[in-house]
Amino acid sequence: MSVERHLSKRYGRLVVALLSGFALLLAACSSSGSGDILTQCVDHDNLDGHIHVTLVTVWNGQPEFLTANIGITEDCMRPTHTHDDSSAVHIEASNDREYTVGDFFDVWGADSPAVRPNAIVENISLNGQPFTDDYRDIMFEDGDRIVVAFGDRTPVGATS
């Protein structure tokens, strides 16, 4: 087995372990009263904070800009959401909770590149600098520019 393949497998296992741990932490926080991002609705009144970040995802080397109305339905606007396809994420909160990239991906749900079959994280940048920890843990700060690159690493000739 080549060194690159060995490192890729090891990195994949690490990412899975980190994501699993984060999911457990998120579940614990939600049950302890901090609120579940998937059930919270906010409006433009009585907000404690309103910040904007730019989030771009990349799939197999091709940028994919966020679509309009992620986290917005007819009757609810989640604390992390988009209004248009500019890749601007709005974080509007009526509490002092800090929101993360992981919160936004949870709101994004099934259309997120993170949940595509065989998706792996290839690299991450935060404000133009490499970010080597779990992208889901990045706390949103006003003006952040975040890029998360994913790839499909299905072995050649494999079928699903």
Foldseek 3Di string as FASTA:
>chain_A
DDPVVVVVVVVQVVLVVVVVVVVVVLVVCCVVPPHQQQPDFDDPPQWPDKAKEAEWEAEPRHIDFDAAFQQDDPVGRGQWTHHGRPRIIIGTHNDPDWAAPLSSDVSNPPVDQVPPPQKDWDFKDKQRHTDDDRRRPHTDDHYIYIYTYIYRPDPPPDDD
